[in-house]
Amino acid sequence: MPRTVFAGTGYYVPERVITNHDLTQWMDTSDEWIVERTGIRERRWVPEGMTGAEMARRASLMALEEAGMEPGDIDAIVLGTLSPDVFFPGTGVYLQKELGIPGVPALDVRAQCSGFVYGLSVADAWIRAGQYRTILLVGVEIQSTGLDISTRGRDLAVLFGDGAGAAVLVAGDDDARGVLSTHIHADGRYAEMLWGECGSSRKHPRITCEDIEAGRHYPKMEGREVFKHAVTRMPEAVLEALDANGLTTADIDVLVPHQANLRISQMVQRRLGLRDDQVVNNIQRYGNTTAATIPIALAEAVREGRIQRGHLVALAAFGSGFTWGSAIIRW
């Protein structure tokens, strides 16, 4: 049975930098307030007209270059996002168009902040089954165009950024490398703790003037509940993956957690007993890019030399749904 190997990684973030000071022009907040609660100092927001498919293309081309491949080598696309460029179809087909590879299947995964780990689970299953040998896995998000940039919406608005990350996954026959296992979960009982309701098909009409006036078209979050569940589920998922492979936390070289909030990552780190140098955090510069956080962090860590051949790498994610999951990779 082939094993899924990361052949290349890439990322793209917009050039437009939005600092905490910039946000103070639009809402009652401060750099100190944001940093204390989230660890975030700045984030990237798209300029007018930039699409998720365009960011995904740039990240994908970087990953393909690292892998020594061309778009025509791709057998399938798996793309995670909660902010598709249009209501339908999914962003995956637009990425396929951008890459110039008609006929290649494109699957969008709607698992929010867990989208990359969920997508990896799908891609790994396809490769193990022998259905495809080269899969482009992408996480991409444009959050900035859907935020309430006012004091009313500051609890969420200060958190999110835009960006894309990509990985080229290939079938390998080296038992010493590749994805050892993935583990994904969900609990819909908490779906409305972090959600976006208006504009959905269960409402008729899908959105009204009253909805807009009340701000119901913006996402909503019960922050304390999300924090409580995230700091529990993420370490649980990592331990589950380690146990499934006869490993312990002492075997981890690098943990790449979803970049939801620096305080969450620090709590997860403490619960797993890891050192600072074992955990990748870049939320300080990019904010929460939801499905794109893990692949962006992976690509940066590879380029910085923090992830090297032979390292045991753990991924952990938690997000709306609630959804969560983990993966263990021998790099």
Protein backbone atom coordinates (compact mmCIF):
# COMPACT_ATOMS: atom_id res chain seq x y z
CA MET A 1 0.00 0.00 0.00
CA PRO A 2 1.51 3.39 -0.97
CA ARG A 3 2.10 6.03 1.67
CA THR A 4 1.24 9.72 1.21
CA VAL A 5 4.38 11.86 1.01
CA PHE A 6 4.62 15.66 1.09
CA ALA A 7 6.63 16.43 -2.04
CA GLY A 8 6.29 20.21 -1.90
CA THR A 9 4.69 23.02 0.08
CA GLY A 10 3.84 26.62 -0.78
CA TYR A 11 1.96 29.64 0.47
CA TYR A 12 0.77 33.07 -0.49
CA VAL A 13 -0.42 35.99 1.62
CA PRO A 14 -1.57 39.36 0.26
CA GLU A 15 0.83 42.28 0.39
CA ARG A 16 -1.68 44.47 2.25
CA VAL A 17 -0.72 44.49 5.94
CA ILE A 18 -3.35 45.48 8.51
CA THR A 19 -1.83 46.23 11.91
CA ASN A 20 -3.62 46.44 15.22
CA HIS A 21 -3.11 50.20 15.05
CA ASP A 22 -4.96 50.26 11.72
CA LEU A 23 -7.95 48.57 13.36
CA THR A 24 -8.16 51.32 15.99
CA GLN A 25 -9.28 53.67 13.20
CA TRP A 26 -12.46 51.63 12.72
CA MET A 27 -13.29 50.27 16.17
CA ASP A 28 -12.78 50.84 19.86
CA THR A 29 -9.73 48.67 20.50
CA SER A 30 -6.00 48.89 21.06
CA ASP A 31 -2.84 47.03 20.20
CA GLU A 32 -2.47 46.01 23.84
CA TRP A 33 -6.04 44.66 24.03
CA ILE A 34 -5.61 42.54 20.88
CA VAL A 35 -2.14 41.22 21.71
CA GLU A 36 -3.09 40.28 25.27
CA ARG A 37 -6.12 38.27 24.16
CA THR A 38 -4.93 36.80 20.87
CA GLY A 39 -1.20 37.30 20.36
CA ILE A 40 -1.94 38.86 16.95
CA ARG A 41 -0.03 41.99 15.91
CA GLU A 42 -0.95 42.16 12.22
CA ARG A 43 -2.75 40.26 9.49
CA ARG A 44 -2.96 40.31 5.68
CA TRP A 45 -6.11 41.36 3.84
CA VAL A 46 -6.74 41.04 0.12
CA PRO A 47 -6.86 44.12 -2.09
CA GLU A 48 -10.10 44.79 -3.94
CA GLY A 49 -10.69 42.20 -6.65
CA MET A 50 -8.26 39.49 -5.52
CA THR A 51 -9.90 36.05 -5.38
CA GLY A 52 -9.27 32.95 -3.34
CA ALA A 53 -8.54 31.02 -6.54
CA GLU A 54 -5.78 33.48 -7.42
CA MET A 55 -4.15 33.14 -4.00
CA ALA A 56 -4.52 29.35 -4.21
CA ARG A 57 -2.84 29.35 -7.63
CA ARG A 58 0.17 31.27 -6.32
CA ALA A 59 0.55 28.95 -3.33
CA SER A 60 0.12 25.89 -5.56
CA LEU A 61 2.76 27.00 -8.05
CA MET A 62 5.23 27.45 -5.19
CA ALA A 63 4.46 23.94 -3.93
CA LEU A 64 4.77 22.47 -7.42
CA GLU A 65 8.11 24.19 -7.95
CA GLU A 66 9.45 22.73 -4.71
CA ALA A 67 8.22 19.30 -5.81
CA GLY A 68 9.82 19.69 -9.27
CA MET A 69 6.44 19.29 -10.95
CA GLU A 70 4.10 21.10 -13.33
CA PRO A 71 0.32 21.60 -13.04
CA GLY A 72 -0.17 18.87 -15.62
CA ASP A 73 1.25 16.33 -13.16
CA ILE A 74 -1.72 16.79 -10.80
CA ASP A 75 -4.28 13.96 -10.70
CA ALA A 76 -6.78 15.62 -8.33
CA ILE A 77 -7.39 18.77 -6.28
CA VAL A 78 -8.71 18.85 -2.72
CA LEU A 79 -9.40 22.38 -1.45
CA GLY A 80 -10.51 23.47 2.00
CA THR A 81 -12.30 26.79 2.48
CA LEU A 82 -15.28 28.32 4.28
CA SER A 83 -15.19 31.42 2.06
CA PRO A 84 -15.68 30.26 -1.55
CA ASP A 85 -15.29 32.87 -4.26
CA VAL A 86 -18.96 32.40 -5.18
CA PHE A 87 -21.86 30.65 -3.46
CA PHE A 88 -21.42 27.83 -5.96
CA PRO A 89 -19.53 26.19 -7.56
CA GLY A 90 -16.64 25.63 -5.18
CA THR A 91 -13.29 27.39 -5.40
CA GLY A 92 -11.57 24.12 -6.39
CA VAL A 93 -12.84 24.30 -9.96
CA TYR A 94 -11.71 27.91 -10.27
CA LEU A 95 -8.25 26.86 -9.10
CA GLN A 96 -8.28 24.08 -11.68
CA LYS A 97 -9.12 26.69 -14.32
CA GLU A 98 -6.32 28.99 -13.08
CA LEU A 99 -3.83 26.12 -13.33
CA GLY A 100 -5.01 25.17 -16.82
CA ILE A 101 -5.76 21.51 -16.12
CA PRO A 102 -9.31 20.79 -17.34
CA GLY A 103 -10.69 17.36 -16.54
CA VAL A 104 -8.86 17.01 -13.22
CA PRO A 105 -11.38 16.40 -10.39
CA ALA A 106 -11.70 19.19 -7.82
CA LEU A 107 -13.26 18.58 -4.42
CA ASP A 108 -14.09 21.38 -1.98
CA VAL A 109 -14.07 20.48 1.72
CA ARG A 110 -16.23 22.53 4.09
CA ALA A 111 -14.72 21.78 7.48
CA GLN A 112 -13.81 25.38 8.35
CA CYS A 113 -10.61 25.68 10.42
CA SER A 114 -10.15 21.90 10.23
CA GLY A 115 -10.37 21.98 6.42
CA PHE A 116 -6.73 21.17 5.71
CA VAL A 117 -6.61 18.20 8.10
CA TYR A 118 -9.95 16.93 6.79
CA GLY A 119 -8.67 17.39 3.24
CA LEU A 120 -5.48 15.53 4.08
CA SER A 121 -7.58 12.64 5.39
CA VAL A 122 -9.43 12.47 2.06
CA ALA A 123 -6.28 12.78 -0.05
CA ASP A 124 -4.44 10.19 2.04
CA ALA A 125 -7.31 7.72 1.59
CA TRP A 126 -7.29 8.25 -2.18
CA ILE A 127 -3.55 7.70 -2.40
CA ARG A 128 -3.60 4.64 -0.15
CA ALA A 129 -6.41 3.16 -2.25
CA GLY A 130 -4.39 3.73 -5.41
CA GLN A 131 -7.05 5.97 -6.96
CA TYR A 132 -4.68 8.93 -7.48
CA ARG A 133 -0.91 9.28 -7.21
CA THR A 134 -0.44 13.06 -7.15
CA ILE A 135 -2.89 15.30 -5.29
CA LEU A 136 -2.81 19.05 -4.78
CA LEU A 137 -4.12 19.86 -1.29
CA VAL A 138 -4.96 23.51 -0.63
CA GLY A 139 -6.34 25.64 2.17
CA VAL A 140 -7.43 29.14 1.17
CA GLU A 141 -9.44 31.84 2.85
CA ILE A 142 -10.68 35.39 2.34
CA GLN A 143 -12.16 36.45 5.65
CA SER A 144 -11.65 40.20 5.46
CA THR A 145 -14.57 40.87 3.11
CA GLY A 146 -17.04 39.25 5.52
CA LEU A 147 -16.14 40.88 8.82
CA ASP A 148 -17.95 43.54 10.82
CA ILE A 149 -15.20 46.16 10.95
CA SER A 150 -16.71 48.10 13.84
CA THR A 151 -16.75 48.05 17.62
CA ARG A 152 -19.82 45.80 17.44
CA GLY A 153 -17.84 43.13 15.59
CA ARG A 154 -14.38 43.59 17.04
CA ASP A 155 -14.21 40.28 18.93
CA LEU A 156 -14.12 38.47 15.57
CA ALA A 157 -12.78 41.18 13.28
CA VAL A 158 -9.41 41.41 15.04
CA LEU A 159 -8.79 37.67 14.62
CA PHE A 160 -8.95 36.95 10.92
CA GLY A 161 -6.67 37.29 7.93
CA ASP A 162 -6.51 36.14 4.33
CA GLY A 163 -4.10 33.73 2.67
CA ALA A 164 -3.50 30.39 1.00
CA GLY A 165 -1.30 27.37 1.61
CA ALA A 166 -0.73 24.32 -0.56
CA ALA A 167 0.93 20.92 -0.52
CA VAL A 168 1.73 18.49 -3.32
CA LEU A 169 1.06 14.97 -2.06
CA VAL A 170 2.44 11.95 -3.91
CA ALA A 171 2.28 8.19 -3.54
CA GLY A 172 5.52 6.92 -2.04
CA ASP A 173 6.79 3.42 -1.36
CA ASP A 174 9.28 4.39 1.36
CA ASP A 175 7.95 3.15 4.70
CA ALA A 176 10.26 5.61 6.48
CA ARG A 177 8.37 8.65 5.09
CA GLY A 178 4.84 9.89 4.72
CA VAL A 179 1.52 10.29 6.52
CA LEU A 180 1.29 7.70 9.28
CA SER A 181 -2.38 8.38 10.05
CA THR A 182 -5.11 11.01 10.19
CA HIS A 183 -7.90 11.33 12.73
CA ILE A 184 -10.97 13.55 12.25
CA HIS A 185 -14.00 14.27 14.42
CA ALA A 186 -17.05 16.52 14.71
CA ASP A 187 -19.77 17.40 17.20
CA GLY A 188 -22.74 19.24 15.71
CA ARG A 189 -24.24 19.93 19.13
CA TYR A 190 -22.00 22.99 19.22
CA ALA A 191 -22.52 24.12 15.62
CA GLU A 192 -24.06 27.45 16.59
CA MET A 193 -21.23 28.39 18.95
CA LEU A 194 -19.29 29.55 15.88
CA TRP A 195 -21.31 30.04 12.73
CA GLY A 196 -22.63 32.21 9.94
CA GLU A 197 -26.38 31.91 9.44
CA CYS A 198 -27.63 34.58 7.07
CA GLY A 199 -27.43 33.96 3.37
CA SER A 200 -28.09 30.28 3.99
CA SER A 201 -30.67 28.14 2.20
CA ARG A 202 -32.65 27.41 5.35
CA LYS A 203 -33.80 31.04 5.45
CA HIS A 204 -36.41 32.38 3.02
CA PRO A 205 -35.61 34.91 1.83
CA ARG A 206 -31.99 34.05 2.45
CA ILE A 207 -31.22 37.54 3.71
CA THR A 208 -33.37 40.58 4.48
CA CYS A 209 -32.75 44.28 5.09
CA GLU A 210 -33.57 43.62 8.74
CA ASP A 211 -30.86 40.94 8.89
CA ILE A 212 -28.30 43.38 7.52
CA GLU A 213 -29.34 46.18 9.86
CA ALA A 214 -29.00 43.81 12.83
CA GLY A 215 -25.63 42.51 11.65
CA ARG A 216 -26.88 38.94 11.37
CA HIS A 217 -25.01 38.49 8.08
CA TYR A 218 -21.73 38.53 9.99
CA PRO A 219 -20.25 35.45 11.70
CA LYS A 220 -20.95 34.94 15.40
CA MET A 221 -18.86 33.22 18.06
CA GLU A 222 -19.17 32.21 21.70
CA GLY A 223 -15.49 32.82 22.37
CA ARG A 224 -15.20 31.19 25.79
CA GLU A 225 -16.87 27.99 24.63
CA VAL A 226 -14.68 27.79 21.53
CA PHE A 227 -11.54 28.33 23.62
CA LYS A 228 -12.56 25.68 26.18
CA HIS A 229 -13.24 23.03 23.55
CA ALA A 230 -10.20 23.88 21.40
CA VAL A 231 -7.68 23.49 24.22
CA THR A 232 -9.22 20.11 25.05
CA ARG A 233 -9.84 18.60 21.63
CA MET A 234 -6.58 19.55 19.94
CA PRO A 235 -4.25 17.81 22.43
CA GLU A 236 -6.68 14.87 22.61
CA ALA A 237 -6.45 14.47 18.84
CA VAL A 238 -2.65 14.58 18.87
CA LEU A 239 -2.49 11.96 21.62
CA GLU A 240 -4.96 9.81 19.68
CA ALA A 241 -2.73 9.92 16.61
CA LEU A 242 0.41 9.17 18.60
CA ASP A 243 -1.23 6.23 20.35
CA ALA A 244 -2.45 4.81 17.03
CA ASN A 245 1.16 4.65 15.87
CA GLY A 246 2.77 3.46 19.09
CA LEU A 247 4.38 6.85 19.69
CA THR A 248 4.46 9.38 22.53
CA THR A 249 4.87 13.14 22.80
CA ALA A 250 8.59 12.54 23.28
CA ASP A 251 8.73 11.44 19.63
CA ILE A 252 7.33 14.72 18.26
CA ASP A 253 9.86 16.98 16.56
CA VAL A 254 7.44 19.67 15.40
CA LEU A 255 3.80 20.47 16.14
CA VAL A 256 1.93 22.65 13.64
CA PRO A 257 -1.36 23.65 15.29
CA HIS A 258 -4.18 25.56 13.65
CA GLN A 259 -3.49 29.25 14.25
CA ALA A 260 -6.74 30.23 15.95
CA ASN A 261 -5.37 32.21 18.86
CA LEU A 262 -1.85 32.24 20.29
CA ARG A 263 -3.27 31.59 23.76
CA ILE A 264 -4.91 28.39 22.49
CA SER A 265 -1.66 27.21 20.89
CA GLN A 266 0.26 27.92 24.10
CA MET A 267 -2.26 25.95 26.16
CA VAL A 268 -2.09 23.01 23.74
CA GLN A 269 1.70 23.15 23.91
CA ARG A 270 1.65 23.02 27.71
CA ARG A 271 -0.80 20.11 27.79
CA LEU A 272 1.46 18.13 25.45
CA GLY A 273 4.60 19.10 27.33
CA LEU A 274 6.39 20.55 24.31
CA ARG A 275 9.10 23.22 24.16
CA ASP A 276 8.66 26.56 22.39
CA ASP A 277 11.03 25.52 19.60
CA GLN A 278 8.87 22.45 18.87
CA VAL A 279 5.72 24.44 18.08
CA VAL A 280 5.19 26.53 14.95
CA ASN A 281 3.28 29.77 15.52
CA ASN A 282 2.89 32.54 12.95
CA ILE A 283 -0.49 33.93 14.00
CA GLN A 284 1.32 37.02 15.26
CA ARG A 285 1.90 38.05 11.62
CA TYR A 286 -1.05 36.54 9.74
CA GLY A 287 -3.95 36.20 12.15
CA ASN A 288 -6.36 33.29 11.77
CA THR A 289 -6.61 32.30 8.10
CA THR A 290 -8.88 29.34 9.01
CA ALA A 291 -8.35 26.50 6.48
CA ALA A 292 -5.08 28.09 5.32
CA THR A 293 -3.29 28.38 8.68
CA ILE A 294 -1.72 24.92 8.80
CA PRO A 295 -0.42 24.79 5.20
CA ILE A 296 0.95 28.36 5.46
CA ALA A 297 2.73 27.47 8.71
CA LEU A 298 4.01 24.20 7.21
CA ALA A 299 5.43 25.95 4.15
CA GLU A 300 7.13 28.61 6.25
CA ALA A 301 8.58 26.05 8.68
CA VAL A 302 10.02 24.02 5.79
CA ARG A 303 11.69 27.10 4.31
CA GLU A 304 13.06 28.14 7.69
CA GLY A 305 14.58 24.68 8.21
CA ARG A 306 12.40 23.97 11.22
CA ILE A 307 10.92 20.93 9.47
CA GLN A 308 13.50 18.61 7.95
CA ARG A 309 13.66 15.16 6.41
CA GLY A 310 13.02 12.50 9.03
CA HIS A 311 11.20 14.78 11.49
CA LEU A 312 8.01 13.54 13.09
CA VAL A 313 5.47 16.29 12.45
CA ALA A 314 2.08 16.53 14.17
CA LEU A 315 -0.81 18.59 12.84
CA ALA A 316 -3.78 19.59 14.98
CA ALA A 317 -6.87 21.60 14.10
CA PHE A 318 -10.11 22.75 15.68
CA GLY A 319 -12.90 24.85 14.23
CA SER A 320 -16.54 25.60 13.60
CA GLY A 321 -18.83 22.62 13.56
CA PHE A 322 -17.31 21.81 15.97
CA THR A 323 -14.78 19.93 13.85
CA TRP A 324 -11.31 18.85 14.87
CA GLY A 325 -8.58 16.47 13.86
CA SER A 326 -4.92 15.54 13.74
CA ALA A 327 -2.31 13.92 11.56
CA ILE A 328 1.10 12.38 12.17
CA ILE A 329 3.65 12.65 9.35
CA ARG A 330 7.17 11.33 9.02
CA TRP A 331 8.64 14.10 6.86
